[in-house]
Every structure is written in C-alpha cells, then in structure tokens.
Amino acid sequence: MLSASRGTPSLKGTRYCLLKGPENLTEGQEIKLAELLKYNLRTVRAYLLKEDFQFFWDYVSPAWAGKFLDRWCTRTMRSRLEPMKRVAHMLRRHRPLLPNWFRARGTVSAAAVEGLNNKLKVTTKKAYGFRTFRALEIALYHTDPSLVTSIVKSYVPDVVGIPVISPFAAKLNPVGKGPEPDA
C-alpha cells in the first residue's frame, strides 16, 4: 500500500475494496481494505461515511431513522468532502419523503411501477420516428388503453378535448392557447 519512493499511501488496486460492501469482500480485498483504513485519506473518510449510512436502512421507526439521517448529514457536511456534501444536500432536500420508505416497507411492491415504466419506455423508444405527440399517444393506446386512460386522468386534464399524457405535452399546448373548438 505504501509507495516505494515516498512512503505515501497508494489507492492502486483498491477500487472494488471501497465499492463493495464489507460482507462481499474476498480475503485479499479485506487485507487491502484493512491496510487502507490505517490512513486518513479523503477516500477512506468517504468510504466510512458511505458504510455508516447503510445503518439507515436497518431502522424500523421513521422517527429514529430521521434522527439518524439528520446526524449523518451534519457529520457529512462537516467532512469537507464535496461529493459527500452534495449527497447530504440531496438527502436534506428529500427529507420529508424518506420516511415513506419505512411506512411502506413490505406493503407496496415496486414491481408494478417498474413494469409500467418499462412498458412506457419501450413504447416511447419505438415512437422516436413519430412526428407528433398525438402519434405517441396513439401508440400508447395500442399498448394498453386502460393504462393510458389512467395516466391521463391522474396527471393532466383534457386540453381542448385531447387528453395529454405528460406535463411536457401540456407545455406544447397550454390550456386556452390551442385552437378554438368548433361551435
């Protein structure tokens, strides 16, 4: 681990030691990591913060998890590690939503949402050659009409009689800016 010329620590060959969880390390990686942890490097401090944050997922109570998160963010902001400070800022911005994970644990499956996202992504990818949003909308209707109807009702109201699926499409034809309906 020490550089032969200067006696300074070298990170060569330690990438996966730092990225893997401690339970997944090989014996050789455990030795490299133990040697690396002897030094007060920024990389080591970031690794220790990353591993410390993993305890967040073990909490059962949203209140205690929130207290842990606040303490972790405070420590991270004082660490003088800019990438880790950005993570702490992001977690603080999303702080009101994070307890939902604990409330929904075991009761909500993300499989349905992932399936929906995948279906929409595949259909959208097929629709790259379409020239209008209406053509994409029709392609989505052919995929699953009930799916599109539920999306339209939940996201954006009808604009001049044409259901709009995404907020982006609503910007293209905002309410009151489209052609006047025939009388």
N, C-alpha and C. Protein backbone atom coordinates (compact mmCIF):
# COMPACT_ATOMS: atom_id res chain seq x y z
N MET A 1 0.79 -1.19 0.00
CA MET A 1 0.00 0.00 0.00
C MET A 1 0.84 1.27 0.00
N LEU A 2 2.03 1.22 0.52
CA LEU A 2 2.87 2.42 0.54
C LEU A 2 3.66 2.53 -0.75
N SER A 3 3.75 3.73 -1.23
CA SER A 3 4.54 3.99 -2.43
C SER A 3 6.01 3.78 -2.08
N ALA A 4 6.72 3.11 -2.95
CA ALA A 4 8.12 2.78 -2.67
C ALA A 4 9.00 4.01 -2.57
N SER A 5 8.70 5.03 -3.36
CA SER A 5 9.58 6.19 -3.40
C SER A 5 9.32 7.18 -2.27
N ARG A 6 8.06 7.38 -1.90
CA ARG A 6 7.75 8.45 -0.94
C ARG A 6 7.22 7.96 0.41
N GLY A 7 6.79 6.73 0.48
CA GLY A 7 6.21 6.25 1.73
C GLY A 7 4.79 6.76 1.94
N THR A 8 4.13 7.20 0.86
CA THR A 8 2.75 7.69 0.96
C THR A 8 1.79 6.58 0.53
N PRO A 9 0.57 6.61 1.02
CA PRO A 9 -0.38 5.56 0.66
C PRO A 9 -0.80 5.68 -0.80
N SER A 10 -1.02 4.54 -1.43
CA SER A 10 -1.44 4.48 -2.82
C SER A 10 -2.78 3.77 -2.89
N LEU A 11 -3.68 4.26 -3.73
CA LEU A 11 -5.00 3.67 -3.87
C LEU A 11 -5.06 2.63 -4.99
N LYS A 12 -3.92 2.36 -5.62
CA LYS A 12 -3.90 1.44 -6.74
C LYS A 12 -4.41 0.06 -6.32
N GLY A 13 -5.41 -0.44 -7.06
CA GLY A 13 -5.94 -1.78 -6.79
C GLY A 13 -6.96 -1.85 -5.66
N THR A 14 -7.44 -0.70 -5.18
CA THR A 14 -8.37 -0.72 -4.05
C THR A 14 -9.79 -0.31 -4.43
N ARG A 15 -10.04 -0.08 -5.71
CA ARG A 15 -11.36 0.43 -6.14
C ARG A 15 -12.51 -0.44 -5.65
N TYR A 16 -12.43 -1.74 -5.91
CA TYR A 16 -13.54 -2.61 -5.55
C TYR A 16 -13.58 -2.89 -4.06
N CYS A 17 -12.46 -2.72 -3.38
CA CYS A 17 -12.47 -2.85 -1.91
C CYS A 17 -13.36 -1.77 -1.32
N LEU A 18 -13.33 -0.59 -1.92
CA LEU A 18 -14.11 0.53 -1.41
C LEU A 18 -15.55 0.51 -1.90
N LEU A 19 -15.80 -0.04 -3.07
CA LEU A 19 -17.15 -0.04 -3.62
C LEU A 19 -18.02 -1.17 -3.07
N LYS A 20 -17.43 -2.31 -2.81
CA LYS A 20 -18.19 -3.45 -2.31
C LYS A 20 -18.55 -3.26 -0.85
N GLY A 21 -19.61 -3.92 -0.44
CA GLY A 21 -19.93 -3.96 0.99
C GLY A 21 -18.94 -4.87 1.69
N PRO A 22 -18.66 -4.64 2.97
CA PRO A 22 -17.66 -5.44 3.68
C PRO A 22 -17.97 -6.94 3.68
N GLU A 23 -19.26 -7.29 3.64
CA GLU A 23 -19.64 -8.70 3.66
C GLU A 23 -19.35 -9.40 2.34
N ASN A 24 -19.12 -8.65 1.28
CA ASN A 24 -18.89 -9.23 -0.05
C ASN A 24 -17.43 -9.22 -0.47
N LEU A 25 -16.53 -8.81 0.39
CA LEU A 25 -15.11 -8.73 0.04
C LEU A 25 -14.46 -10.11 0.05
N THR A 26 -13.51 -10.30 -0.86
CA THR A 26 -12.71 -11.51 -0.84
C THR A 26 -11.65 -11.35 0.27
N GLU A 27 -10.96 -12.41 0.56
CA GLU A 27 -9.95 -12.35 1.62
C GLU A 27 -8.84 -11.35 1.28
N GLY A 28 -8.42 -11.33 0.03
CA GLY A 28 -7.38 -10.39 -0.40
C GLY A 28 -7.86 -8.95 -0.32
N GLN A 29 -9.11 -8.72 -0.68
CA GLN A 29 -9.67 -7.37 -0.60
C GLN A 29 -9.81 -6.92 0.84
N GLU A 30 -10.14 -7.84 1.74
CA GLU A 30 -10.23 -7.48 3.16
C GLU A 30 -8.88 -7.01 3.68
N ILE A 31 -7.82 -7.67 3.26
CA ILE A 31 -6.47 -7.28 3.70
C ILE A 31 -6.12 -5.89 3.15
N LYS A 32 -6.40 -5.67 1.85
CA LYS A 32 -6.12 -4.36 1.26
C LYS A 32 -6.91 -3.26 1.97
N LEU A 33 -8.19 -3.54 2.26
CA LEU A 33 -9.04 -2.54 2.92
C LEU A 33 -8.54 -2.25 4.34
N ALA A 34 -8.16 -3.27 5.07
CA ALA A 34 -7.64 -3.07 6.42
C ALA A 34 -6.39 -2.20 6.39
N GLU A 35 -5.53 -2.43 5.41
CA GLU A 35 -4.31 -1.62 5.28
C GLU A 35 -4.67 -0.18 4.92
N LEU A 36 -5.63 -0.02 4.02
CA LEU A 36 -6.03 1.31 3.57
C LEU A 36 -6.68 2.11 4.70
N LEU A 37 -7.45 1.45 5.56
CA LEU A 37 -8.16 2.14 6.64
C LEU A 37 -7.23 2.72 7.70
N LYS A 38 -5.95 2.39 7.65
CA LYS A 38 -4.98 2.94 8.60
C LYS A 38 -4.65 4.40 8.31
N TYR A 39 -4.99 4.85 7.09
CA TYR A 39 -4.62 6.20 6.66
C TYR A 39 -5.84 7.13 6.70
N ASN A 40 -5.57 8.41 6.94
CA ASN A 40 -6.63 9.40 6.98
C ASN A 40 -6.74 10.10 5.62
N LEU A 41 -7.14 9.32 4.63
CA LEU A 41 -7.30 9.86 3.29
C LEU A 41 -8.74 10.30 3.09
N ARG A 42 -8.97 11.22 2.15
CA ARG A 42 -10.33 11.64 1.84
C ARG A 42 -11.16 10.46 1.35
N THR A 43 -10.54 9.58 0.57
CA THR A 43 -11.24 8.41 0.06
C THR A 43 -11.69 7.50 1.20
N VAL A 44 -10.84 7.33 2.18
CA VAL A 44 -11.18 6.49 3.32
C VAL A 44 -12.31 7.13 4.13
N ARG A 45 -12.25 8.45 4.32
CA ARG A 45 -13.32 9.12 5.05
C ARG A 45 -14.65 9.00 4.32
N ALA A 46 -14.63 9.11 2.99
CA ALA A 46 -15.86 8.94 2.21
C ALA A 46 -16.38 7.51 2.33
N TYR A 47 -15.48 6.54 2.30
CA TYR A 47 -15.87 5.14 2.47
C TYR A 47 -16.55 4.92 3.82
N LEU A 48 -15.97 5.47 4.86
CA LEU A 48 -16.54 5.30 6.20
C LEU A 48 -17.91 5.96 6.31
N LEU A 49 -18.09 7.12 5.70
CA LEU A 49 -19.41 7.76 5.69
C LEU A 49 -20.42 6.92 4.92
N LYS A 50 -19.99 6.36 3.79
CA LYS A 50 -20.88 5.51 2.98
C LYS A 50 -21.32 4.29 3.78
N GLU A 51 -20.38 3.65 4.43
CA GLU A 51 -20.71 2.46 5.22
C GLU A 51 -21.58 2.82 6.42
N ASP A 52 -21.33 3.96 7.03
CA ASP A 52 -22.15 4.39 8.16
C ASP A 52 -23.59 4.64 7.74
N PHE A 53 -23.78 5.17 6.54
CA PHE A 53 -25.14 5.45 6.08
C PHE A 53 -25.96 4.17 5.88
N GLN A 54 -25.31 3.05 5.66
CA GLN A 54 -26.05 1.79 5.46
C GLN A 54 -26.90 1.42 6.67
N PHE A 55 -26.56 1.93 7.84
CA PHE A 55 -27.37 1.66 9.03
C PHE A 55 -28.75 2.32 8.94
N PHE A 56 -28.88 3.32 8.10
CA PHE A 56 -30.17 4.00 7.91
C PHE A 56 -31.26 3.00 7.53
N TRP A 57 -30.92 2.02 6.68
CA TRP A 57 -31.92 1.08 6.18
C TRP A 57 -32.32 0.04 7.21
N ASP A 58 -31.60 -0.05 8.32
CA ASP A 58 -31.92 -1.03 9.36
C ASP A 58 -32.97 -0.53 10.35
N TYR A 59 -33.25 0.77 10.35
CA TYR A 59 -34.23 1.32 11.29
C TYR A 59 -35.63 0.83 10.96
N VAL A 60 -36.46 0.71 12.00
CA VAL A 60 -37.85 0.31 11.82
C VAL A 60 -38.76 1.54 11.92
N SER A 61 -38.41 2.44 12.82
CA SER A 61 -39.22 3.63 13.06
C SER A 61 -38.78 4.78 12.15
N PRO A 62 -39.72 5.42 11.45
CA PRO A 62 -39.35 6.57 10.64
C PRO A 62 -38.76 7.72 11.46
N ALA A 63 -39.22 7.87 12.70
CA ALA A 63 -38.71 8.95 13.55
C ALA A 63 -37.24 8.74 13.88
N TRP A 64 -36.88 7.52 14.27
CA TRP A 64 -35.48 7.25 14.61
C TRP A 64 -34.60 7.30 13.36
N ALA A 65 -35.13 6.84 12.25
CA ALA A 65 -34.38 6.93 11.00
C ALA A 65 -34.13 8.38 10.64
N GLY A 66 -35.12 9.25 10.87
CA GLY A 66 -34.96 10.67 10.60
C GLY A 66 -33.89 11.30 11.47
N LYS A 67 -33.85 10.90 12.75
CA LYS A 67 -32.80 11.43 13.64
C LYS A 67 -31.42 10.97 13.18
N PHE A 68 -31.33 9.69 12.78
CA PHE A 68 -30.06 9.19 12.27
C PHE A 68 -29.65 9.97 11.03
N LEU A 69 -30.60 10.20 10.13
CA LEU A 69 -30.32 10.93 8.89
C LEU A 69 -29.83 12.34 9.18
N ASP A 70 -30.47 13.02 10.12
CA ASP A 70 -30.04 14.37 10.48
C ASP A 70 -28.61 14.38 11.01
N ARG A 71 -28.29 13.43 11.89
CA ARG A 71 -26.92 13.36 12.45
C ARG A 71 -25.91 13.02 11.35
N TRP A 72 -26.28 12.07 10.46
CA TRP A 72 -25.37 11.68 9.39
C TRP A 72 -25.11 12.86 8.46
N CYS A 73 -26.16 13.60 8.11
CA CYS A 73 -26.00 14.76 7.22
C CYS A 73 -25.12 15.83 7.86
N THR A 74 -25.31 16.05 9.15
CA THR A 74 -24.48 17.04 9.86
C THR A 74 -23.01 16.63 9.82
N ARG A 75 -22.73 15.36 10.13
CA ARG A 75 -21.34 14.88 10.09
C ARG A 75 -20.77 14.99 8.68
N THR A 76 -21.58 14.65 7.69
CA THR A 76 -21.12 14.69 6.31
C THR A 76 -20.83 16.11 5.86
N MET A 77 -21.66 17.06 6.27
CA MET A 77 -21.43 18.45 5.90
C MET A 77 -20.14 18.99 6.52
N ARG A 78 -19.75 18.45 7.64
CA ARG A 78 -18.50 18.88 8.31
C ARG A 78 -17.28 18.13 7.79
N SER A 79 -17.48 17.16 6.91
CA SER A 79 -16.37 16.32 6.48
C SER A 79 -15.45 16.99 5.47
N ARG A 80 -15.87 18.10 4.86
CA ARG A 80 -15.11 18.81 3.85
C ARG A 80 -14.88 17.97 2.59
N LEU A 81 -15.76 17.02 2.35
CA LEU A 81 -15.71 16.20 1.14
C LEU A 81 -16.87 16.64 0.25
N GLU A 82 -16.56 17.39 -0.79
CA GLU A 82 -17.61 18.00 -1.62
C GLU A 82 -18.59 16.98 -2.21
N PRO A 83 -18.15 15.85 -2.76
CA PRO A 83 -19.13 14.90 -3.30
C PRO A 83 -20.08 14.37 -2.21
N MET A 84 -19.55 14.14 -1.05
CA MET A 84 -20.39 13.65 0.05
C MET A 84 -21.32 14.76 0.55
N LYS A 85 -20.85 15.99 0.50
CA LYS A 85 -21.70 17.11 0.89
C LYS A 85 -22.88 17.26 -0.07
N ARG A 86 -22.64 16.99 -1.36
CA ARG A 86 -23.73 17.04 -2.33
C ARG A 86 -24.78 15.96 -2.03
N VAL A 87 -24.33 14.78 -1.62
CA VAL A 87 -25.26 13.71 -1.25
C VAL A 87 -26.07 14.15 -0.03
N ALA A 88 -25.42 14.75 0.95
CA ALA A 88 -26.12 15.21 2.15
C ALA A 88 -27.14 16.29 1.80
N HIS A 89 -26.79 17.21 0.91
CA HIS A 89 -27.75 18.24 0.46
C HIS A 89 -28.97 17.59 -0.19
N MET A 90 -28.71 16.61 -1.06
CA MET A 90 -29.80 15.93 -1.74
C MET A 90 -30.71 15.21 -0.74
N LEU A 91 -30.12 14.55 0.24
CA LEU A 91 -30.92 13.86 1.25
C LEU A 91 -31.72 14.84 2.09
N ARG A 92 -31.14 15.99 2.38
CA ARG A 92 -31.89 17.01 3.13
C ARG A 92 -33.05 17.56 2.32
N ARG A 93 -32.85 17.73 1.03
CA ARG A 93 -33.95 18.22 0.18
C ARG A 93 -35.10 17.22 0.13
N HIS A 94 -34.77 15.93 0.16
CA HIS A 94 -35.79 14.89 0.08
C HIS A 94 -36.19 14.35 1.46
N ARG A 95 -35.77 15.02 2.50
CA ARG A 95 -36.02 14.58 3.88
C ARG A 95 -37.49 14.28 4.17
N PRO A 96 -38.45 15.11 3.73
CA PRO A 96 -39.85 14.82 4.05
C PRO A 96 -40.37 13.54 3.39
N LEU A 97 -39.75 13.11 2.30
CA LEU A 97 -40.23 11.91 1.59
C LEU A 97 -39.57 10.62 2.06
N LEU A 98 -38.40 10.70 2.67
CA LEU A 98 -37.67 9.49 3.05
C LEU A 98 -38.42 8.62 4.07
N PRO A 99 -39.13 9.16 5.05
CA PRO A 99 -39.85 8.28 5.99
C PRO A 99 -40.92 7.42 5.31
N ASN A 100 -41.37 7.80 4.13
CA ASN A 100 -42.35 6.98 3.42
C ASN A 100 -41.83 5.59 3.12
N TRP A 101 -40.53 5.47 2.93
CA TRP A 101 -39.94 4.16 2.67
C TRP A 101 -40.18 3.23 3.85
N PHE A 102 -40.07 3.75 5.06
CA PHE A 102 -40.26 2.92 6.25
C PHE A 102 -41.74 2.58 6.45
N ARG A 103 -42.61 3.52 6.14
CA ARG A 103 -44.04 3.28 6.29
C ARG A 103 -44.55 2.25 5.28
N ALA A 104 -43.98 2.24 4.09
CA ALA A 104 -44.46 1.35 3.03
C ALA A 104 -43.69 0.05 2.94
N ARG A 105 -42.67 -0.12 3.76
CA ARG A 105 -41.83 -1.32 3.66
C ARG A 105 -42.68 -2.58 3.82
N GLY A 106 -42.59 -3.45 2.84
CA GLY A 106 -43.30 -4.72 2.91
C GLY A 106 -44.75 -4.65 2.46
N THR A 107 -45.32 -3.47 2.29
CA THR A 107 -46.72 -3.39 1.90
C THR A 107 -46.90 -3.00 0.44
N VAL A 108 -45.93 -2.30 -0.13
CA VAL A 108 -46.03 -1.85 -1.51
C VAL A 108 -44.90 -2.49 -2.31
N SER A 109 -45.26 -3.07 -3.43
CA SER A 109 -44.26 -3.65 -4.30
C SER A 109 -43.96 -2.66 -5.42
N ALA A 110 -42.71 -2.49 -5.68
CA ALA A 110 -42.30 -1.58 -6.75
C ALA A 110 -42.37 -2.26 -8.11
N ALA A 111 -42.71 -3.55 -8.14
CA ALA A 111 -42.72 -4.29 -9.40
C ALA A 111 -43.72 -3.70 -10.39
N ALA A 112 -44.90 -3.31 -9.92
CA ALA A 112 -45.92 -2.77 -10.83
C ALA A 112 -45.45 -1.45 -11.44
N VAL A 113 -44.84 -0.60 -10.62
CA VAL A 113 -44.35 0.68 -11.12
C VAL A 113 -43.21 0.46 -12.10
N GLU A 114 -42.32 -0.46 -11.78
CA GLU A 114 -41.20 -0.75 -12.69
C GLU A 114 -41.71 -1.31 -14.01
N GLY A 115 -42.72 -2.18 -13.95
CA GLY A 115 -43.30 -2.74 -15.17
C GLY A 115 -43.94 -1.66 -16.03
N LEU A 116 -44.67 -0.75 -15.38
CA LEU A 116 -45.29 0.37 -16.09
C LEU A 116 -44.23 1.25 -16.74
N ASN A 117 -43.20 1.60 -15.99
CA ASN A 117 -42.12 2.44 -16.53
C ASN A 117 -41.46 1.76 -17.73
N ASN A 118 -41.23 0.46 -17.62
CA ASN A 118 -40.59 -0.26 -18.71
C ASN A 118 -41.48 -0.26 -19.95
N LYS A 119 -42.78 -0.51 -19.76
CA LYS A 119 -43.70 -0.53 -20.89
C LYS A 119 -43.75 0.84 -21.57
N LEU A 120 -43.81 1.91 -20.78
CA LEU A 120 -43.83 3.26 -21.35
C LEU A 120 -42.53 3.58 -22.07
N LYS A 121 -41.42 3.17 -21.49
CA LYS A 121 -40.11 3.45 -22.09
C LYS A 121 -39.96 2.74 -23.43
N VAL A 122 -40.39 1.47 -23.49
CA VAL A 122 -40.27 0.72 -24.73
C VAL A 122 -41.15 1.35 -25.81
N THR A 123 -42.38 1.71 -25.45
CA THR A 123 -43.29 2.31 -26.42
C THR A 123 -42.75 3.66 -26.89
N THR A 124 -42.22 4.44 -25.98
CA THR A 124 -41.66 5.74 -26.33
C THR A 124 -40.46 5.57 -27.26
N LYS A 125 -39.63 4.57 -26.98
CA LYS A 125 -38.47 4.32 -27.83
C LYS A 125 -38.90 3.94 -29.24
N LYS A 126 -39.95 3.14 -29.34
CA LYS A 126 -40.48 2.78 -30.66
C LYS A 126 -41.03 4.01 -31.38
N ALA A 127 -41.50 4.98 -30.62
CA ALA A 127 -42.16 6.16 -31.19
C ALA A 127 -41.20 7.29 -31.56
N TYR A 128 -39.89 7.05 -31.50
CA TYR A 128 -38.95 8.13 -31.81
C TYR A 128 -39.14 8.68 -33.22
N GLY A 129 -39.59 7.84 -34.15
CA GLY A 129 -39.77 8.31 -35.51
C GLY A 129 -41.06 9.08 -35.72
N PHE A 130 -41.94 9.10 -34.75
CA PHE A 130 -43.21 9.80 -34.90
C PHE A 130 -42.96 11.30 -34.86
N ARG A 131 -43.74 12.03 -35.64
CA ARG A 131 -43.53 13.47 -35.74
C ARG A 131 -44.36 14.26 -34.75
N THR A 132 -45.40 13.68 -34.21
CA THR A 132 -46.27 14.43 -33.29
C THR A 132 -46.46 13.67 -32.00
N PHE A 133 -46.83 14.42 -30.99
CA PHE A 133 -47.14 13.80 -29.71
C PHE A 133 -48.37 12.92 -29.82
N ARG A 134 -49.30 13.32 -30.66
CA ARG A 134 -50.54 12.55 -30.85
C ARG A 134 -50.22 11.14 -31.35
N ALA A 135 -49.23 10.99 -32.21
CA ALA A 135 -48.84 9.66 -32.71
C ALA A 135 -48.30 8.80 -31.56
N LEU A 136 -47.51 9.40 -30.67
CA LEU A 136 -47.02 8.68 -29.50
C LEU A 136 -48.19 8.26 -28.62
N GLU A 137 -49.13 9.16 -28.44
CA GLU A 137 -50.29 8.85 -27.61
C GLU A 137 -51.08 7.67 -28.19
N ILE A 138 -51.24 7.65 -29.49
CA ILE A 138 -51.96 6.55 -30.13
C ILE A 138 -51.19 5.24 -29.94
N ALA A 139 -49.86 5.30 -30.05
CA ALA A 139 -49.05 4.10 -29.82
C ALA A 139 -49.23 3.59 -28.39
N LEU A 140 -49.32 4.51 -27.43
CA LEU A 140 -49.54 4.10 -26.05
C LEU A 140 -50.93 3.49 -25.88
N TYR A 141 -51.93 4.03 -26.57
CA TYR A 141 -53.27 3.45 -26.52
C TYR A 141 -53.26 2.02 -27.05
N HIS A 142 -52.49 1.78 -28.11
CA HIS A 142 -52.41 0.43 -28.67
C HIS A 142 -51.70 -0.53 -27.72
N THR A 143 -50.81 -0.01 -26.89
CA THR A 143 -50.12 -0.85 -25.92
C THR A 143 -51.09 -1.34 -24.85
N ASP A 144 -51.81 -0.42 -24.23
CA ASP A 144 -52.77 -0.77 -23.18
C ASP A 144 -53.70 0.42 -22.97
N PRO A 145 -54.90 0.39 -23.51
CA PRO A 145 -55.80 1.55 -23.41
C PRO A 145 -56.13 1.94 -21.97
N SER A 146 -56.32 0.95 -21.10
CA SER A 146 -56.65 1.29 -19.71
C SER A 146 -55.49 1.99 -19.02
N LEU A 147 -54.29 1.61 -19.40
CA LEU A 147 -53.10 2.23 -18.84
C LEU A 147 -53.04 3.71 -19.19
N VAL A 148 -53.24 4.03 -20.44
CA VAL A 148 -53.15 5.41 -20.89
C VAL A 148 -54.27 6.24 -20.28
N THR A 149 -55.47 5.69 -20.21
CA THR A 149 -56.59 6.43 -19.63
C THR A 149 -56.30 6.78 -18.18
N SER A 150 -55.74 5.83 -17.42
CA SER A 150 -55.45 6.12 -16.02
C SER A 150 -54.34 7.15 -15.88
N ILE A 151 -53.36 7.12 -16.78
CA ILE A 151 -52.28 8.11 -16.74
C ILE A 151 -52.84 9.49 -17.04
N VAL A 152 -53.67 9.57 -18.07
CA VAL A 152 -54.24 10.86 -18.46
C VAL A 152 -55.05 11.44 -17.32
N LYS A 153 -55.88 10.64 -16.68
CA LYS A 153 -56.72 11.15 -15.59
C LYS A 153 -55.89 11.57 -14.39
N SER A 154 -54.78 10.90 -14.13
CA SER A 154 -54.02 11.21 -12.93
C SER A 154 -53.05 12.36 -13.10
N TYR A 155 -52.61 12.65 -14.33
CA TYR A 155 -51.59 13.68 -14.49
C TYR A 155 -52.10 15.02 -14.98
N VAL A 156 -52.77 15.04 -16.12
CA VAL A 156 -53.09 16.31 -16.75
C VAL A 156 -54.54 16.28 -17.23
N PRO A 157 -55.28 17.35 -17.02
CA PRO A 157 -56.65 17.40 -17.53
C PRO A 157 -56.68 17.54 -19.05
N ASP A 158 -57.86 17.34 -19.63
CA ASP A 158 -58.01 17.47 -21.08
C ASP A 158 -57.69 18.89 -21.52
N VAL A 159 -57.01 19.01 -22.64
CA VAL A 159 -56.70 20.31 -23.22
C VAL A 159 -57.38 20.35 -24.58
N VAL A 160 -58.37 21.16 -24.71
CA VAL A 160 -59.13 21.33 -25.94
C VAL A 160 -59.61 19.97 -26.45
N GLY A 161 -60.11 19.14 -25.54
CA GLY A 161 -60.70 17.87 -25.92
C GLY A 161 -59.71 16.75 -26.20
N ILE A 162 -58.40 17.02 -26.19
CA ILE A 162 -57.41 15.99 -26.46
C ILE A 162 -56.70 15.67 -25.15
N PRO A 163 -56.79 14.44 -24.66
CA PRO A 163 -56.10 14.12 -23.41
C PRO A 163 -54.59 14.24 -23.59
N VAL A 164 -53.94 14.79 -22.59
CA VAL A 164 -52.49 14.99 -22.62
C VAL A 164 -51.88 14.07 -21.59
N ILE A 165 -50.79 13.39 -21.94
CA ILE A 165 -50.20 12.42 -21.03
C ILE A 165 -49.14 13.03 -20.14
N SER A 166 -48.31 13.88 -20.67
CA SER A 166 -47.19 14.36 -19.86
C SER A 166 -47.26 15.87 -19.67
N PRO A 167 -46.65 16.35 -18.58
CA PRO A 167 -46.56 17.80 -18.39
C PRO A 167 -45.83 18.48 -19.53
N PHE A 168 -44.88 17.78 -20.18
CA PHE A 168 -44.17 18.34 -21.32
C PHE A 168 -45.14 18.66 -22.45
N ALA A 169 -46.05 17.72 -22.70
CA ALA A 169 -47.03 17.94 -23.77
C ALA A 169 -47.96 19.09 -23.42
N ALA A 170 -48.27 19.26 -22.14
CA ALA A 170 -49.13 20.37 -21.73
C ALA A 170 -48.44 21.70 -22.02
N LYS A 171 -47.13 21.75 -21.95
CA LYS A 171 -46.40 22.98 -22.27
C LYS A 171 -46.49 23.28 -23.76
N LEU A 172 -46.58 22.22 -24.57
CA LEU A 172 -46.70 22.43 -26.00
C LEU A 172 -48.05 23.04 -26.37
N ASN A 173 -49.09 22.69 -25.62
CA ASN A 173 -50.43 23.17 -25.92
C ASN A 173 -51.12 23.55 -24.62
N PRO A 174 -50.71 24.65 -23.96
CA PRO A 174 -51.29 25.01 -22.68
C PRO A 174 -52.77 25.34 -22.80
N VAL A 175 -53.47 25.21 -21.69
CA VAL A 175 -54.90 25.45 -21.65
C VAL A 175 -55.19 26.87 -22.11
N GLY A 176 -56.15 27.00 -23.03
CA GLY A 176 -56.55 28.32 -23.52
C GLY A 176 -55.70 28.85 -24.65
N LYS A 177 -54.62 28.14 -25.01
CA LYS A 177 -53.73 28.62 -26.06
C LYS A 177 -53.92 27.85 -27.36
N GLY A 178 -54.70 26.76 -27.32
CA GLY A 178 -54.90 25.94 -28.51
C GLY A 178 -55.97 26.51 -29.40
N PRO A 179 -56.26 25.78 -30.49
CA PRO A 179 -57.31 26.25 -31.39
C PRO A 179 -58.67 26.21 -30.71
N GLU A 180 -59.52 27.12 -31.09
CA GLU A 180 -60.86 27.17 -30.51
C GLU A 180 -61.67 25.99 -31.02
N PRO A 181 -62.42 25.32 -30.11
CA PRO A 181 -63.25 24.20 -30.56
C PRO A 181 -64.38 24.73 -31.46
N ASP A 182 -64.82 23.87 -32.40
CA ASP A 182 -65.90 24.24 -33.30
C ASP A 182 -67.19 24.39 -32.52
N ALA A 183 -67.98 25.42 -32.85
CA ALA A 183 -69.22 25.69 -32.14
C ALA A 183 -70.39 24.97 -32.76
